């Protein structure tokens, strides 16, 4: 059992005080609100945390927690308005995100339809829509614009549509409808292809459009030729993903590893193209600097190897409450509410006992030789829920971690509530179209 001492410290199973409560009481930044529109002055201590950071990975232990989304929106506002952030890189379809990026820079479209087009129920929420609308409003008058960039190579129907239309204008004999149709519908690992024929065909198509760019620009426009070449590259990345097996002897050749590798390369390309900071939005399993799923190197691990301490992994954890997720292996049904309480075996329970309420903590600041530092650098367990959870046993699902190795900082939310879904446009006949 854990018990609290008079100084706020707690003991675990009769052991000596671990010092975590005292350290957090002295160093955590309390959050008086989790509203996306909350005051930014409250976040000013983060300026010192992120002083030399170019990339902030903002995680989430569930894809269906309203408070996580609102807090990350607020952090994005702080980064953009006070720390020179110029891009949000999101664990969302790189293909469909192009239309949202055009929208936040003043382009046409219905924001809700464009958010739905991202293809994941996880982002089809009021909270994400609110963030996209804020980005557009910010860009109306800001000298330093902020971009919305998808980094996930899956869900490439928009790229297939753009390439198909462009080829019909400039080289109808190269349209390759079978290739475009297959890639539009495929999912990671769904088309294992040891012979790499599909990948080779997608690579060849991308090379064709790049190689004839100047010719095609003269026949259309330079922007149209560039856009078609970019989307052909997105199709090649999607082909690389969908033709890999989910489970392989070499974990780095699996679909899971290829996905995180492409996402890391997309973030690095974004960093190389801008002088500003980049915020990365994804699950804790991706932004953390460890491994997952049979030893696959995460997106965060790859960014740490490439960018060192310029990458900061912020894990978002919650104490108890509800969140949305699909059940079992259902890939098409509605996400429903799931509820969990505190469990003594998890790091979340310890964080809830250490400090009341919601807060942020910079784990880099904990002295490794202190009691708290040793606790943070010892093996623990955290809760981790993906877009799907087991029907009955999800409450008991935990994942191993060493907190101060997996994350550079944490945001702790005492109570989680469900994200708020937007209407399903496909069911109401308001099917989004590529823009």
Foldseek 3Di string as FASTA:
>chain_A
DWDADPQLFIDDPPDDTLCQLVVCVVFWQFDPDLALPDDLVSVVVCCVVQVLAQEEEQAEQELWFASSLSNVSNVVCNCVVPPFAAEEEEQFAQQLQVVLQCVLLPDDDDLLQSQVLSPDQSRQFPSNSVSSVVLSVCNVDDPRHHGYGYQFLAQLLNLLVLLLVLCVQPPNVLNPVVLSVCRNPFDFQQAADPPCPSLVSLVVSLCVLVVCQVVSCVVPNNVSSVSNSVSSVSSSLSSQGRNAHQDDPPNCSHSVLSRLVSSLVVVVVVSVVDPGGYYYYYHLQALWLFADDVGRGHNNVVCCVVPPPSYFYEHEAEAWEWTWAAEDPDPPDGTDIDTEHHDPQAPSNVVCSSDPFKTKGFLQPDDCPGSSNVQLQDKGKHQHDYNYAYPPCSRVDIDIDRRVRGGRMYIYGHYTDTGGGDDNCVVVVNNRDRD
